[in-house]
Amino acid sequence: MESSFPTDAQLRALAEQVAESVQRHRLMLVTAESCTGGWIAKTLTDLPGSSAWFDAGVVTYSYEAKQALLGVNPHTLQRTGAVSEETALEMVSGALARFGAGVAVAVTGIAGPSGGTPDKPVGTVWIGWKRRGGYAHARLFHFGGDREAVRRQSVAAALSGVLQTLTD
């Protein structure tokens, strides 16, 4: 069952595709991460030469960090929680507003093993993407497996979404 989750080699291949696409569009990329804990940024910056197209990565676990570093509205967090479409949209928009990048990705979710609720079980992840000058969009995922599997799948989905955002 574990083999169905993205491997390090698969994540690297996705990162290489993202790097090529971001450079082809002459953009910089920024990441805003919660449940992935910087794994997206790590995967991207593992590539030599990433400083040419990777601008910044922010890990915001707490409500306070989401507010201070990304400008997430406290009322959004109180009303919908950190794991919501609204929060993902505000995270990705805030990342673009605060950095010089042309495209951003944001992830917020429940990687487990605890923290889930009946409404938002472990594996619930919202990912948002935005290109400068465009509209933010977010997608809900329900990933299976343990903490690492949820995070690994989140990284892969985030990177795939960046590719999609740049081709739309």
C-alpha atoms as a PDB file:
ATOM      1  CA  MET A   1       0.000   0.000   0.000  1.00  0.00           C
ATOM      2  CA  GLU A   2       2.835   2.448   0.814  1.00  0.00           C
ATOM      3  CA  SER A   3       4.100   2.176  -2.775  1.00  0.00           C
ATOM      4  CA  SER A   4       0.983   4.004  -4.022  1.00  0.00           C
ATOM      5  CA  PHE A   5       2.230   7.186  -2.329  1.00  0.00           C
ATOM      6  CA  PRO A   6       4.617   9.473  -4.225  1.00  0.00           C
ATOM      7  CA  THR A   7       8.253   8.441  -3.853  1.00  0.00           C
ATOM      8  CA  ASP A   8      11.150  10.859  -3.397  1.00  0.00           C
ATOM      9  CA  ALA A   9      12.043  10.278  -7.055  1.00  0.00           C
ATOM     10  CA  GLN A  10       8.498  11.116  -8.162  1.00  0.00           C
ATOM     11  CA  LEU A  11       8.465  14.280  -6.049  1.00  0.00           C
ATOM     12  CA  ARG A  12      11.814  15.308  -7.518  1.00  0.00           C
ATOM     13  CA  ALA A  13      10.541  14.717 -11.051  1.00  0.00           C
ATOM     14  CA  LEU A  14       7.508  16.913 -10.316  1.00  0.00           C
ATOM     15  CA  ALA A  15       9.777  19.593  -8.827  1.00  0.00           C
ATOM     16  CA  GLU A  16      11.901  19.515 -11.989  1.00  0.00           C
ATOM     17  CA  GLN A  17       8.776  20.034 -14.107  1.00  0.00           C
ATOM     18  CA  VAL A  18       7.727  22.947 -11.880  1.00  0.00           C
ATOM     19  CA  ALA A  19      11.211  24.476 -12.150  1.00  0.00           C
ATOM     20  CA  GLU A  20      11.153  24.236 -15.942  1.00  0.00           C
ATOM     21  CA  SER A  21       7.659  25.738 -16.168  1.00  0.00           C
ATOM     22  CA  VAL A  22       8.301  28.574 -13.713  1.00  0.00           C
ATOM     23  CA  GLN A  23      11.496  29.503 -15.584  1.00  0.00           C
ATOM     24  CA  ARG A  24       9.782  29.256 -18.980  1.00  0.00           C
ATOM     25  CA  HIS A  25       7.192  31.768 -17.720  1.00  0.00           C
ATOM     26  CA  ARG A  26       9.996  33.929 -16.260  1.00  0.00           C
ATOM     27  CA  LEU A  27       8.428  33.884 -12.804  1.00  0.00           C
ATOM     28  CA  MET A  28       9.465  33.375  -9.209  1.00  0.00           C
ATOM     29  CA  LEU A  29       7.596  30.944  -6.938  1.00  0.00           C
ATOM     30  CA  VAL A  30       6.631  31.285  -3.277  1.00  0.00           C
ATOM     31  CA  THR A  31       5.217  28.613  -0.952  1.00  0.00           C
ATOM     32  CA  ALA A  32       3.021  29.049   2.137  1.00  0.00           C
ATOM     33  CA  GLU A  33       2.845  25.814   4.085  1.00  0.00           C
ATOM     34  CA  SER A  34       1.184  24.492   7.186  1.00  0.00           C
ATOM     35  CA  CYS A  35       0.760  20.708   7.390  1.00  0.00           C
ATOM     36  CA  THR A  36       3.603  20.063   4.936  1.00  0.00           C
ATOM     37  CA  GLY A  37       6.031  21.879   7.224  1.00  0.00           C
ATOM     38  CA  GLY A  38       8.232  23.227   4.439  1.00  0.00           C
ATOM     39  CA  TRP A  39       8.392  19.966   2.476  1.00  0.00           C
ATOM     40  CA  ILE A  40       7.274  21.685  -0.738  1.00  0.00           C
ATOM     41  CA  ALA A  41       9.991  24.326  -0.390  1.00  0.00           C
ATOM     42  CA  LYS A  42      12.553  21.635   0.462  1.00  0.00           C
ATOM     43  CA  THR A  43      11.619  19.563  -2.582  1.00  0.00           C
ATOM     44  CA  LEU A  44      11.958  22.596  -4.841  1.00  0.00           C
ATOM     45  CA  THR A  45      15.173  23.916  -3.322  1.00  0.00           C
ATOM     46  CA  ASP A  46      16.804  20.484  -3.483  1.00  0.00           C
ATOM     47  CA  LEU A  47      17.233  21.314  -7.180  1.00  0.00           C
ATOM     48  CA  PRO A  48      20.500  23.029  -8.070  1.00  0.00           C
ATOM     49  CA  GLY A  49      19.929  26.560  -9.356  1.00  0.00           C
ATOM     50  CA  SER A  50      16.594  26.968  -7.586  1.00  0.00           C
ATOM     51  CA  SER A  51      17.571  30.458  -6.435  1.00  0.00           C
ATOM     52  CA  ALA A  52      16.900  31.605 -10.011  1.00  0.00           C
ATOM     53  CA  TRP A  53      13.166  30.883  -9.700  1.00  0.00           C
ATOM     54  CA  PHE A  54      12.314  30.124  -6.036  1.00  0.00           C
ATOM     55  CA  ASP A  55      11.617  33.287  -4.030  1.00  0.00           C
ATOM     56  CA  ALA A  56      10.549  32.220  -0.538  1.00  0.00           C
ATOM     57  CA  GLY A  57       8.874  29.607   1.590  1.00  0.00           C
ATOM     58  CA  VAL A  58       6.880  30.323   4.744  1.00  0.00           C
ATOM     59  CA  VAL A  59       5.736  27.726   7.278  1.00  0.00           C
ATOM     60  CA  THR A  60       2.790  28.961   9.313  1.00  0.00           C
ATOM     61  CA  TYR A  61       1.406  26.422  11.744  1.00  0.00           C
ATOM     62  CA  SER A  62      -0.352  28.662  14.268  1.00  0.00           C
ATOM     63  CA  TYR A  63      -3.254  31.047  13.716  1.00  0.00           C
ATOM     64  CA  GLU A  64      -0.954  33.854  14.846  1.00  0.00           C
ATOM     65  CA  ALA A  65       1.687  32.988  12.241  1.00  0.00           C
ATOM     66  CA  LYS A  66      -0.923  32.760   9.482  1.00  0.00           C
ATOM     67  CA  GLN A  67      -2.154  36.227  10.447  1.00  0.00           C
ATOM     68  CA  ALA A  68       1.248  37.891  10.963  1.00  0.00           C
ATOM     69  CA  LEU A  69       3.155  36.392   8.031  1.00  0.00           C
ATOM     70  CA  LEU A  70       0.416  35.880   5.441  1.00  0.00           C
ATOM     71  CA  GLY A  71      -2.294  38.336   6.440  1.00  0.00           C
ATOM     72  CA  VAL A  72      -4.965  35.718   7.038  1.00  0.00           C
ATOM     73  CA  ASN A  73      -7.972  37.455   8.605  1.00  0.00           C
ATOM     74  CA  PRO A  74      -8.559  36.411  12.238  1.00  0.00           C
ATOM     75  CA  HIS A  75     -12.307  36.296  11.527  1.00  0.00           C
ATOM     76  CA  THR A  76     -11.689  33.755   8.754  1.00  0.00           C
ATOM     77  CA  LEU A  77      -9.772  31.546  11.176  1.00  0.00           C
ATOM     78  CA  GLN A  78     -12.438  31.878  13.874  1.00  0.00           C
ATOM     79  CA  ARG A  79     -15.293  31.246  11.454  1.00  0.00           C
ATOM     80  CA  THR A  80     -13.893  28.490   9.210  1.00  0.00           C
ATOM     81  CA  GLY A  81     -10.755  27.251  10.987  1.00  0.00           C
ATOM     82  CA  ALA A  82      -7.256  26.898   9.626  1.00  0.00           C
ATOM     83  CA  VAL A  83      -8.227  23.955   7.432  1.00  0.00           C
ATOM     84  CA  SER A  84     -10.685  25.561   5.045  1.00  0.00           C
ATOM     85  CA  GLU A  85     -11.013  26.855   1.525  1.00  0.00           C
ATOM     86  CA  GLU A  86     -11.155  30.429   2.804  1.00  0.00           C
ATOM     87  CA  THR A  87      -7.921  30.072   4.768  1.00  0.00           C
ATOM     88  CA  ALA A  88      -6.103  28.428   1.845  1.00  0.00           C
ATOM     89  CA  LEU A  89      -7.217  31.253  -0.451  1.00  0.00           C
ATOM     90  CA  GLU A  90      -6.090  33.920   2.017  1.00  0.00           C
ATOM     91  CA  MET A  91      -2.766  32.133   2.583  1.00  0.00           C
ATOM     92  CA  VAL A  92      -1.929  31.939  -1.119  1.00  0.00           C
ATOM     93  CA  SER A  93      -3.050  35.518  -1.753  1.00  0.00           C
ATOM     94  CA  GLY A  94      -1.067  36.744   1.250  1.00  0.00           C
ATOM     95  CA  ALA A  95       2.054  34.931   0.082  1.00  0.00           C
ATOM     96  CA  LEU A  96       1.894  36.655  -3.303  1.00  0.00           C
ATOM     97  CA  ALA A  97       1.174  40.028  -1.692  1.00  0.00           C
ATOM     98  CA  ARG A  98       4.177  39.797   0.638  1.00  0.00           C
ATOM     99  CA  PHE A  99       6.790  38.479  -1.756  1.00  0.00           C
ATOM    100  CA  GLY A 100       7.942  39.347  -5.250  1.00  0.00           C
ATOM    101  CA  ALA A 101       6.906  36.053  -6.770  1.00  0.00           C
ATOM    102  CA  GLY A 102       4.634  35.626  -9.761  1.00  0.00           C
ATOM    103  CA  VAL A 103       3.039  32.368  -8.634  1.00  0.00           C
ATOM    104  CA  ALA A 104       2.230  30.906  -5.222  1.00  0.00           C
ATOM    105  CA  VAL A 105       0.993  27.710  -3.623  1.00  0.00           C
ATOM    106  CA  ALA A 106      -0.438  27.327  -0.114  1.00  0.00           C
ATOM    107  CA  VAL A 107      -1.280  24.194   1.865  1.00  0.00           C
ATOM    108  CA  THR A 108      -3.285  23.773   5.054  1.00  0.00           C
ATOM    109  CA  GLY A 109      -4.552  20.478   6.385  1.00  0.00           C
ATOM    110  CA  ILE A 110      -4.663  17.758   9.005  1.00  0.00           C
ATOM    111  CA  ALA A 111      -1.793  15.311   8.567  1.00  0.00           C
ATOM    112  CA  GLY A 112      -2.537  13.324  11.740  1.00  0.00           C
ATOM    113  CA  PRO A 113      -2.357  11.039  13.452  1.00  0.00           C
ATOM    114  CA  SER A 114      -4.587  13.209  15.693  1.00  0.00           C
ATOM    115  CA  GLY A 115      -6.354  16.515  15.205  1.00  0.00           C
ATOM    116  CA  GLY A 116      -9.128  15.298  12.960  1.00  0.00           C
ATOM    117  CA  THR A 117     -12.848  15.778  13.579  1.00  0.00           C
ATOM    118  CA  PRO A 118     -15.919  14.185  12.000  1.00  0.00           C
ATOM    119  CA  ASP A 119     -16.218  17.221   9.690  1.00  0.00           C
ATOM    120  CA  LYS A 120     -12.490  17.416   8.985  1.00  0.00           C
ATOM    121  CA  PRO A 121     -10.913  13.979   9.408  1.00  0.00           C
ATOM    122  CA  VAL A 122      -7.189  13.301   9.252  1.00  0.00           C
ATOM    123  CA  GLY A 123      -6.151  13.583   5.614  1.00  0.00           C
ATOM    124  CA  THR A 124      -8.297  16.660   4.928  1.00  0.00           C
ATOM    125  CA  VAL A 125      -6.101  19.112   3.023  1.00  0.00           C
ATOM    126  CA  TRP A 126      -6.884  22.372   1.242  1.00  0.00           C
ATOM    127  CA  ILE A 127      -4.398  23.568  -1.377  1.00  0.00           C
ATOM    128  CA  GLY A 128      -4.555  26.990  -2.999  1.00  0.00           C
ATOM    129  CA  TRP A 129      -2.759  28.394  -6.027  1.00  0.00           C
ATOM    130  CA  LYS A 130      -2.529  31.860  -7.474  1.00  0.00           C
ATOM    131  CA  ARG A 131      -0.709  33.579 -10.266  1.00  0.00           C
ATOM    132  CA  ARG A 132      -0.010  37.290  -9.923  1.00  0.00           C
ATOM    133  CA  GLY A 133      -2.801  39.221 -11.623  1.00  0.00           C
ATOM    134  CA  GLY A 134      -5.119  36.223 -11.521  1.00  0.00           C
ATOM    135  CA  TYR A 135      -7.651  34.792  -9.135  1.00  0.00           C
ATOM    136  CA  ALA A 136      -6.799  32.448  -6.304  1.00  0.00           C
ATOM    137  CA  HIS A 137      -8.356  29.006  -6.458  1.00  0.00           C
ATOM    138  CA  ALA A 138      -8.309  26.157  -3.976  1.00  0.00           C
ATOM    139  CA  ARG A 139      -9.126  22.472  -3.977  1.00  0.00           C
ATOM    140  CA  LEU A 140     -10.087  20.075  -1.215  1.00  0.00           C
ATOM    141  CA  PHE A 141      -8.295  16.746  -0.937  1.00  0.00           C
ATOM    142  CA  HIS A 142      -8.936  13.732   1.293  1.00  0.00           C
ATOM    143  CA  PHE A 143      -5.689  11.783   1.462  1.00  0.00           C
ATOM    144  CA  GLY A 144      -5.252   8.368   3.036  1.00  0.00           C
ATOM    145  CA  GLY A 145      -2.436   6.797   4.975  1.00  0.00           C
ATOM    146  CA  ASP A 146      -0.291   7.855   7.896  1.00  0.00           C
ATOM    147  CA  ARG A 147       1.141  11.319   8.574  1.00  0.00           C
ATOM    148  CA  GLU A 148       3.997  10.956   6.114  1.00  0.00           C
ATOM    149  CA  ALA A 149       1.682   9.625   3.403  1.00  0.00           C
ATOM    150  CA  VAL A 150      -0.735  12.547   3.811  1.00  0.00           C
ATOM    151  CA  ARG A 151       2.112  15.042   3.660  1.00  0.00           C
ATOM    152  CA  ARG A 152       3.771  13.301   0.693  1.00  0.00           C
ATOM    153  CA  GLN A 153       0.501  13.322  -1.261  1.00  0.00           C
ATOM    154  CA  SER A 154      -0.010  16.983  -0.333  1.00  0.00           C
ATOM    155  CA  VAL A 155       3.402  17.911  -1.746  1.00  0.00           C
ATOM    156  CA  ALA A 156       2.663  16.064  -4.987  1.00  0.00           C
ATOM    157  CA  ALA A 157      -0.777  17.662  -5.350  1.00  0.00           C
ATOM    158  CA  ALA A 158       0.633  21.112  -4.602  1.00  0.00           C
ATOM    159  CA  LEU A 159       3.354  20.772  -7.239  1.00  0.00           C
ATOM    160  CA  SER A 160       0.929  19.345  -9.812  1.00  0.00           C
ATOM    161  CA  GLY A 161      -1.376  22.288  -9.169  1.00  0.00           C
ATOM    162  CA  VAL A 162       1.441  24.757  -9.784  1.00  0.00           C
ATOM    163  CA  LEU A 163       1.972  23.134 -13.186  1.00  0.00           C
ATOM    164  CA  GLN A 164      -1.754  23.368 -13.912  1.00  0.00           C
ATOM    165  CA  THR A 165      -1.884  27.004 -12.784  1.00  0.00           C
ATOM    166  CA  LEU A 166       0.928  27.886 -15.166  1.00  0.00           C
ATOM    167  CA  THR A 167      -0.690  26.130 -18.137  1.00  0.00           C
ATOM    168  CA  ASP A 168      -4.202  27.562 -17.631  1.00  0.00           C
END
